[in-house]
Amino acid sequence: MKILITGSSGFIGGYLVDEFLSAGYDVVGLDNFSKYGPISQTHSESSRFQFVKGDAKEEALLKELLSDCDHFIAGAAMIGGISYFHRLAFDLLAENELITAASFRAAIDAHASGKLQKITVISSSMVYENAETFPTPEGAQLESPPPSSTYGFQKLATEYFALGAWQQYELPYTIVRPFNCVGIGERRATVDEEVLSGNIRLALSHVVPDIVQKVLKGQKPLHLLGDGRQVRHYTYGKDLARGIRCAVEHPEARNEDFNLSTARQTSVLELAELIWKKIHGNQVPFEYVSDEPFPHDVQFRSPDVSKAERVLGFRAETPLEEVLDEVIDWIRAEIEKGTI
């Protein structure tokens, strides 16, 4: 089997390439390095991995790459931490809409030619930005007020692209919604501007790496964005990649959507204390202050994960404590190299 993964050099993309190579696929990765700049990854030397530097908005390029692919994961997008949502509100909408349209046009063409089986769309938990039901099941995006952020709104639009392509062209699809992916590999984006949290420049406006780097750099009291009561489900990148592969492969995933997440909910304050104790032990008392949060900082995000387990047999089981050990070691090394 051969699969095209766009956004292959991104945070989730790197985990996806490793997952599909490990499962025996031939993998074509497309990325233009627009987020992090040129990077080298361990799978780059694999004989079954072909990397193409290019723009996912180029429909002709996508058609060429999909001409002999069995599957397509549409993962390319302009994406960043929550600081992006306000500062780049128009660009997120406009750029991602162009990428989405090119991806679906190319997929429709490749499926009509007979080889491409379906498109798997990486959506986002932000389609549930204004959800009112918790834990939030698949389908709630159709009953909730639309997302307030342009990023969330465009991700919801991407799901309608999938629906429209099926209705008009019978292009099969699967929609996956990752929740708060954590792991190694996140770096400061090339378009980031300086955002201070206390005396520390934020790395990504993503809560796990930002708290880790602030604690490692000795910030005390620790500055948290908001009151710390925000609830998230922090899901390991390797678990998410495995869940996405299940969604690609499972016959009952055809024309379905799935929340992919750990079932464990954790508040930001609980997360901060856990990281603090892993780095300082009990030698330094935990202290924090609350800073003004960013706009669109959803206070409660908690998915219903029963459908993925029932249909795909997928559960994200890696403990947060184990993931944090890996992330802390990686960020400590990146701080020493000056990349964070």
Protein backbone atom coordinates (compact mmCIF):
# COMPACT_ATOMS: atom_id res chain seq x y z
CA MET A 1 0.00 0.00 0.00
CA LYS A 2 1.15 3.50 -0.78
CA ILE A 3 -0.02 6.63 1.05
CA LEU A 4 0.44 10.37 0.56
CA ILE A 5 0.67 12.43 3.74
CA THR A 6 0.62 16.19 3.32
CA GLY A 7 2.11 18.25 6.13
CA SER A 8 4.49 15.35 6.72
CA SER A 9 7.13 17.49 8.45
CA GLY A 10 4.67 18.90 10.94
CA PHE A 11 4.20 17.79 14.53
CA ILE A 12 1.52 15.15 13.95
CA GLY A 13 2.84 14.49 10.44
CA GLY A 14 6.15 13.20 11.77
CA TYR A 15 4.38 10.68 13.98
CA LEU A 16 2.17 9.63 11.05
CA VAL A 17 5.09 8.95 8.72
CA ASP A 18 6.76 6.76 11.36
CA GLU A 19 3.51 4.89 12.04
CA PHE A 20 2.78 4.05 8.41
CA LEU A 21 6.38 3.10 7.63
CA SER A 22 6.33 0.76 10.63
CA ALA A 23 3.12 -0.78 9.28
CA GLY A 24 4.81 -1.57 5.95
CA TYR A 25 3.46 1.22 3.78
CA ASP A 26 5.35 3.12 1.12
CA VAL A 27 4.98 6.74 2.22
CA VAL A 28 5.15 9.95 0.19
CA GLY A 29 5.48 13.03 2.36
CA LEU A 30 4.73 16.54 1.10
CA ASP A 31 5.69 19.68 3.00
CA ASN A 32 6.95 23.17 2.18
CA PHE A 33 8.69 23.73 5.56
CA SER A 34 6.60 26.86 6.05
CA LYS A 35 6.13 26.30 9.78
CA TYR A 36 9.47 25.21 11.22
CA GLY A 37 11.84 25.69 8.29
CA PRO A 38 13.91 22.76 6.94
CA ILE A 39 14.18 19.89 9.40
CA SER A 40 15.62 16.39 9.28
CA GLN A 41 13.73 13.43 10.73
CA THR A 42 14.80 9.86 11.44
CA HIS A 43 12.59 8.38 8.73
CA SER A 44 14.17 10.57 6.05
CA GLU A 45 16.65 7.79 5.19
CA SER A 46 14.05 5.04 4.80
CA SER A 47 13.98 3.45 1.36
CA ARG A 48 10.17 3.39 1.54
CA PHE A 49 9.86 7.10 2.25
CA GLN A 50 9.83 9.70 -0.53
CA PHE A 51 9.89 13.32 0.55
CA VAL A 52 8.67 16.01 -1.81
CA LYS A 53 9.21 19.66 -0.98
CA GLY A 54 6.21 21.50 -2.30
CA ASP A 55 3.05 23.43 -1.56
CA ALA A 56 -0.17 21.56 -0.78
CA LYS A 57 -2.08 24.32 -2.60
CA GLU A 58 -0.61 23.11 -5.92
CA GLU A 59 -3.38 20.95 -7.32
CA ALA A 60 -1.30 19.65 -10.25
CA LEU A 61 1.44 18.47 -7.88
CA LEU A 62 -1.09 16.70 -5.66
CA LYS A 63 -2.65 14.98 -8.68
CA GLU A 64 0.78 13.77 -9.79
CA LEU A 65 1.64 12.41 -6.34
CA LEU A 66 -1.77 10.75 -5.88
CA SER A 67 -1.73 9.04 -9.27
CA ASP A 68 -0.30 5.82 -7.78
CA CYS A 69 -1.40 6.13 -4.14
CA ASP A 70 -3.97 3.95 -2.40
CA HIS A 71 -4.64 6.39 0.44
CA PHE A 72 -4.34 10.10 1.13
CA ILE A 73 -4.08 11.78 4.53
CA ALA A 74 -4.86 15.47 4.07
CA GLY A 75 -2.89 16.89 6.97
CA ALA A 76 -1.33 20.04 5.55
CA ALA A 77 -2.63 23.23 7.13
CA MET A 78 -1.52 26.53 8.51
CA ILE A 79 -1.69 25.78 12.21
CA GLY A 80 -0.13 27.01 15.42
CA GLY A 81 -0.87 27.59 19.06
CA ILE A 82 -3.78 29.60 20.31
CA SER A 83 -1.83 32.83 19.74
CA TYR A 84 -2.34 32.24 16.00
CA PHE A 85 -6.11 32.31 16.23
CA HIS A 86 -6.45 36.06 16.71
CA ARG A 87 -3.21 37.34 15.19
CA LEU A 88 -3.57 35.40 11.92
CA ALA A 89 -7.35 35.13 11.83
CA PHE A 90 -7.71 35.89 8.11
CA ASP A 91 -4.64 33.99 6.92
CA LEU A 92 -5.71 30.83 8.76
CA LEU A 93 -9.04 30.90 6.97
CA ALA A 94 -7.81 31.88 3.52
CA GLU A 95 -4.70 29.71 3.34
CA ASN A 96 -6.33 26.60 4.73
CA GLU A 97 -9.32 26.95 2.44
CA LEU A 98 -6.99 26.97 -0.59
CA ILE A 99 -5.16 23.90 0.71
CA THR A 100 -8.44 22.09 1.35
CA ALA A 101 -9.87 22.84 -2.08
CA ALA A 102 -6.71 21.68 -3.88
CA SER A 103 -6.56 18.52 -1.77
CA PHE A 104 -10.12 17.50 -2.54
CA ARG A 105 -9.95 18.33 -6.23
CA ALA A 106 -6.83 16.18 -6.55
CA ALA A 107 -8.38 13.37 -4.52
CA ILE A 108 -11.58 13.42 -6.59
CA ASP A 109 -9.48 13.10 -9.75
CA ALA A 110 -7.32 10.28 -8.32
CA HIS A 111 -10.35 8.33 -7.09
CA ALA A 112 -12.06 8.67 -10.48
CA SER A 113 -8.91 7.24 -12.08
CA GLY A 114 -9.43 4.11 -10.05
CA LYS A 115 -6.54 3.77 -7.59
CA LEU A 116 -7.17 6.10 -4.64
CA GLN A 117 -9.47 4.38 -2.14
CA LYS A 118 -10.40 7.35 0.02
CA ILE A 119 -9.26 10.59 1.64
CA THR A 120 -8.66 10.80 5.39
CA VAL A 121 -9.11 14.34 6.66
CA ILE A 122 -7.33 15.60 9.76
CA SER A 123 -9.86 17.94 11.29
CA SER A 124 -9.65 19.40 14.80
CA SER A 125 -11.29 19.37 18.20
CA MET A 126 -11.86 23.09 17.55
CA VAL A 127 -14.97 22.21 15.53
CA TYR A 128 -16.46 21.71 19.01
CA GLU A 129 -15.33 25.16 20.16
CA ASN A 130 -18.85 26.10 21.24
CA ALA A 131 -20.12 22.63 22.13
CA GLU A 132 -22.58 22.41 24.98
CA THR A 133 -22.60 18.63 25.54
CA PHE A 134 -19.83 16.89 27.53
CA PRO A 135 -18.24 14.52 26.93
CA THR A 136 -18.75 15.70 23.36
CA PRO A 137 -19.80 13.00 20.88
CA GLU A 138 -19.34 12.94 17.13
CA GLY A 139 -22.26 14.82 15.61
CA ALA A 140 -22.25 17.59 18.21
CA GLN A 141 -20.60 19.88 15.65
CA LEU A 142 -23.90 19.78 13.74
CA GLU A 143 -25.98 20.79 16.75
CA SER A 144 -23.67 23.30 18.48
CA PRO A 145 -23.19 26.97 17.62
CA PRO A 146 -20.49 27.26 14.94
CA PRO A 147 -16.89 27.83 16.07
CA SER A 148 -16.05 31.41 17.00
CA SER A 149 -12.47 31.25 15.72
CA THR A 150 -11.73 31.33 12.00
CA TYR A 151 -9.45 28.31 12.51
CA GLY A 152 -12.25 26.22 14.03
CA PHE A 153 -14.71 27.44 11.43
CA GLN A 154 -12.41 26.45 8.57
CA LYS A 155 -11.81 23.01 10.09
CA LEU A 156 -15.56 22.54 10.18
CA ALA A 157 -15.68 23.65 6.53
CA THR A 158 -13.10 20.97 5.72
CA GLU A 159 -15.55 18.37 7.01
CA TYR A 160 -18.21 19.76 4.69
CA PHE A 161 -15.74 19.46 1.80
CA ALA A 162 -15.61 15.75 2.61
CA LEU A 163 -19.38 15.49 2.69
CA GLY A 164 -19.76 17.43 -0.56
CA ALA A 165 -17.11 15.40 -2.38
CA TRP A 166 -18.92 12.21 -1.41
CA GLN A 167 -22.36 13.51 -2.36
CA GLN A 168 -21.29 14.82 -5.76
CA TYR A 169 -18.35 12.59 -6.74
CA GLU A 170 -18.65 9.56 -4.40
CA LEU A 171 -15.18 10.14 -2.98
CA PRO A 172 -15.06 8.05 0.21
CA TYR A 173 -13.72 9.82 3.28
CA THR A 174 -12.91 9.47 6.95
CA ILE A 175 -12.72 12.46 9.31
CA VAL A 176 -10.46 12.30 12.36
CA ARG A 177 -10.36 14.89 15.13
CA PRO A 178 -7.19 14.77 17.27
CA PHE A 179 -7.39 16.23 20.77
CA ASN A 180 -4.41 18.08 22.24
CA CYS A 181 -1.55 16.10 20.76
CA VAL A 182 1.56 16.04 22.96
CA GLY A 183 4.98 14.60 22.30
CA ILE A 184 8.37 15.60 20.95
CA GLY A 185 9.13 17.58 17.84
CA GLU A 186 7.28 20.87 18.37
CA ARG A 187 9.49 23.86 17.69
CA ARG A 188 9.02 27.60 17.52
CA ALA A 189 7.28 28.40 14.24
CA THR A 190 9.11 30.65 11.79
CA VAL A 191 6.20 33.13 11.75
CA ASP A 192 5.94 33.38 15.53
CA GLU A 193 6.20 36.78 17.13
CA GLU A 194 7.49 37.31 20.65
CA VAL A 195 4.88 36.48 23.26
CA LEU A 196 5.95 36.80 26.88
CA SER A 197 4.53 34.82 29.77
CA GLY A 198 6.04 36.44 32.83
CA ASN A 199 9.74 36.74 31.98
CA ILE A 200 9.78 33.81 29.53
CA ARG A 201 9.12 33.88 25.81
CA LEU A 202 6.52 31.28 24.88
CA ALA A 203 7.75 28.51 22.66
CA LEU A 204 4.55 27.69 20.81
CA SER A 205 1.54 28.87 22.78
CA HIS A 206 0.86 25.16 23.33
CA VAL A 207 0.40 24.48 26.99
CA VAL A 208 2.59 21.41 27.59
CA PRO A 209 5.85 22.58 25.97
CA ASP A 210 5.38 26.11 27.24
CA ILE A 211 4.89 25.08 30.86
CA VAL A 212 7.81 22.64 30.63
CA GLN A 213 10.21 25.24 29.28
CA LYS A 214 9.14 27.86 31.83
CA VAL A 215 9.70 25.45 34.72
CA LEU A 216 13.03 24.27 33.30
CA LYS A 217 14.15 27.90 32.99
CA GLY A 218 13.37 28.48 36.65
CA GLN A 219 10.30 30.70 36.43
CA LYS A 220 8.78 31.20 39.88
CA PRO A 221 5.97 31.79 40.39
CA LEU A 222 4.89 29.92 37.27
CA HIS A 223 2.78 32.04 34.91
CA LEU A 224 -0.34 30.31 33.59
CA LEU A 225 -2.58 31.69 30.86
CA GLY A 226 -5.98 31.95 32.50
CA ASP A 227 -7.03 30.58 35.87
CA GLY A 228 -5.77 27.04 35.25
CA ARG A 229 -9.21 25.47 35.33
CA GLN A 230 -9.25 24.87 31.56
CA VAL A 231 -9.75 21.16 30.90
CA ARG A 232 -8.05 19.23 28.11
CA HIS A 233 -7.33 15.62 27.10
CA TYR A 234 -3.58 15.42 26.44
CA THR A 235 -3.03 12.64 23.91
CA TYR A 236 0.33 11.13 22.96
CA GLY A 237 1.39 11.65 19.34
CA LYS A 238 2.18 7.96 18.84
CA ASP A 239 -1.28 7.02 20.08
CA LEU A 240 -2.89 9.53 17.73
CA ALA A 241 -0.90 8.24 14.77
CA ARG A 242 -2.00 4.69 15.56
CA GLY A 243 -5.61 5.86 15.81
CA ILE A 244 -5.38 7.63 12.46
CA ARG A 245 -3.94 4.48 10.85
CA CYS A 246 -6.88 2.50 12.28
CA ALA A 247 -9.22 5.04 10.70
CA VAL A 248 -7.44 4.78 7.35
CA GLU A 249 -7.54 0.98 7.29
CA HIS A 250 -10.80 -0.05 8.95
CA PRO A 251 -13.59 -0.82 6.47
CA GLU A 252 -16.24 0.52 8.86
CA ALA A 253 -14.48 3.91 8.96
CA ARG A 254 -15.71 4.71 5.46
CA ASN A 255 -17.67 7.98 5.49
CA GLU A 256 -17.45 8.22 9.29
CA ASP A 257 -15.93 10.70 11.75
CA PHE A 258 -13.99 9.93 14.92
CA ASN A 259 -12.78 11.72 18.02
CA LEU A 260 -9.25 10.46 18.67
CA SER A 261 -8.17 11.15 22.22
CA THR A 262 -7.26 9.79 25.58
CA ALA A 263 -10.27 9.44 27.85
CA ARG A 264 -8.38 11.16 30.70
CA GLN A 265 -9.23 14.78 31.39
CA THR A 266 -6.68 17.08 33.05
CA SER A 267 -6.93 20.71 34.07
CA VAL A 268 -4.12 23.09 33.21
CA LEU A 269 -3.44 23.54 36.91
CA GLU A 270 -3.17 19.77 37.43
CA LEU A 271 -0.85 19.57 34.43
CA ALA A 272 1.32 22.41 35.76
CA GLU A 273 1.69 20.79 39.19
CA LEU A 274 2.57 17.46 37.60
CA ILE A 275 5.28 19.05 35.44
CA TRP A 276 6.57 21.10 38.38
CA LYS A 277 6.98 18.03 40.57
CA LYS A 278 8.67 16.04 37.80
CA ILE A 279 11.28 18.79 37.42
CA HIS A 280 11.63 20.12 40.97
CA GLY A 281 10.46 17.16 43.02
CA ASN A 282 9.32 18.26 46.46
CA GLN A 283 12.28 20.58 46.96
CA VAL A 284 10.61 23.72 45.56
CA PRO A 285 7.01 24.58 46.59
CA PHE A 286 4.65 25.00 43.65
CA GLU A 287 3.60 28.62 43.08
CA TYR A 288 1.67 30.12 40.18
CA VAL A 289 -0.01 33.32 39.02
CA SER A 290 -2.69 33.76 36.36
CA ASP A 291 -2.14 35.90 33.27
CA GLU A 292 -4.75 37.16 30.85
CA PRO A 293 -5.71 34.27 28.54
CA PHE A 294 -5.74 34.42 24.76
CA PRO A 295 -9.05 34.84 22.93
CA HIS A 296 -10.69 31.52 21.95
CA ASP A 297 -9.13 29.70 24.90
CA VAL A 298 -11.90 27.13 25.29
CA GLN A 299 -12.52 26.45 28.98
CA PHE A 300 -13.76 22.88 28.74
CA ARG A 301 -12.94 20.44 25.96
CA SER A 302 -13.78 16.83 26.69
CA PRO A 303 -14.51 14.29 23.94
CA ASP A 304 -16.61 11.17 23.93
CA VAL A 305 -14.15 8.52 22.70
CA SER A 306 -16.51 5.54 22.73
CA LYS A 307 -17.13 5.49 18.97
CA ALA A 308 -13.44 5.09 18.11
CA GLU A 309 -13.16 2.23 20.58
CA ARG A 310 -16.37 0.57 19.42
CA VAL A 311 -15.80 0.86 15.67
CA LEU A 312 -12.01 0.98 15.31
CA GLY A 313 -10.95 -0.87 18.45
CA PHE A 314 -8.77 2.14 19.27
CA ARG A 315 -7.88 3.42 22.73
CA ALA A 316 -5.19 6.00 23.55
CA GLU A 317 -3.59 4.45 26.60
CA THR A 318 -0.15 6.02 27.10
CA PRO A 319 -0.18 7.68 30.56
CA LEU A 320 0.35 11.44 30.64
CA GLU A 321 3.12 10.96 33.22
CA GLU A 322 5.06 8.78 30.77
CA VAL A 323 4.60 11.26 27.92
CA LEU A 324 5.80 14.14 30.11
CA ASP A 325 9.03 12.29 30.96
CA GLU A 326 9.80 12.11 27.24
CA VAL A 327 8.76 15.71 26.55
CA ILE A 328 10.74 17.14 29.47
CA ASP A 329 13.93 15.37 28.36
CA TRP A 330 13.46 16.57 24.78
CA ILE A 331 12.72 20.19 25.70
CA ARG A 332 15.68 20.26 28.09
CA ALA A 333 17.92 19.24 25.18
CA GLU A 334 16.31 21.79 22.83
CA ILE A 335 16.83 24.57 25.39
CA GLU A 336 20.50 23.64 25.57
CA LYS A 337 20.69 23.88 21.75
CA GLY A 338 18.88 27.23 21.78
CA THR A 339 15.91 26.16 19.65
CA ILE A 340 13.35 26.82 22.42
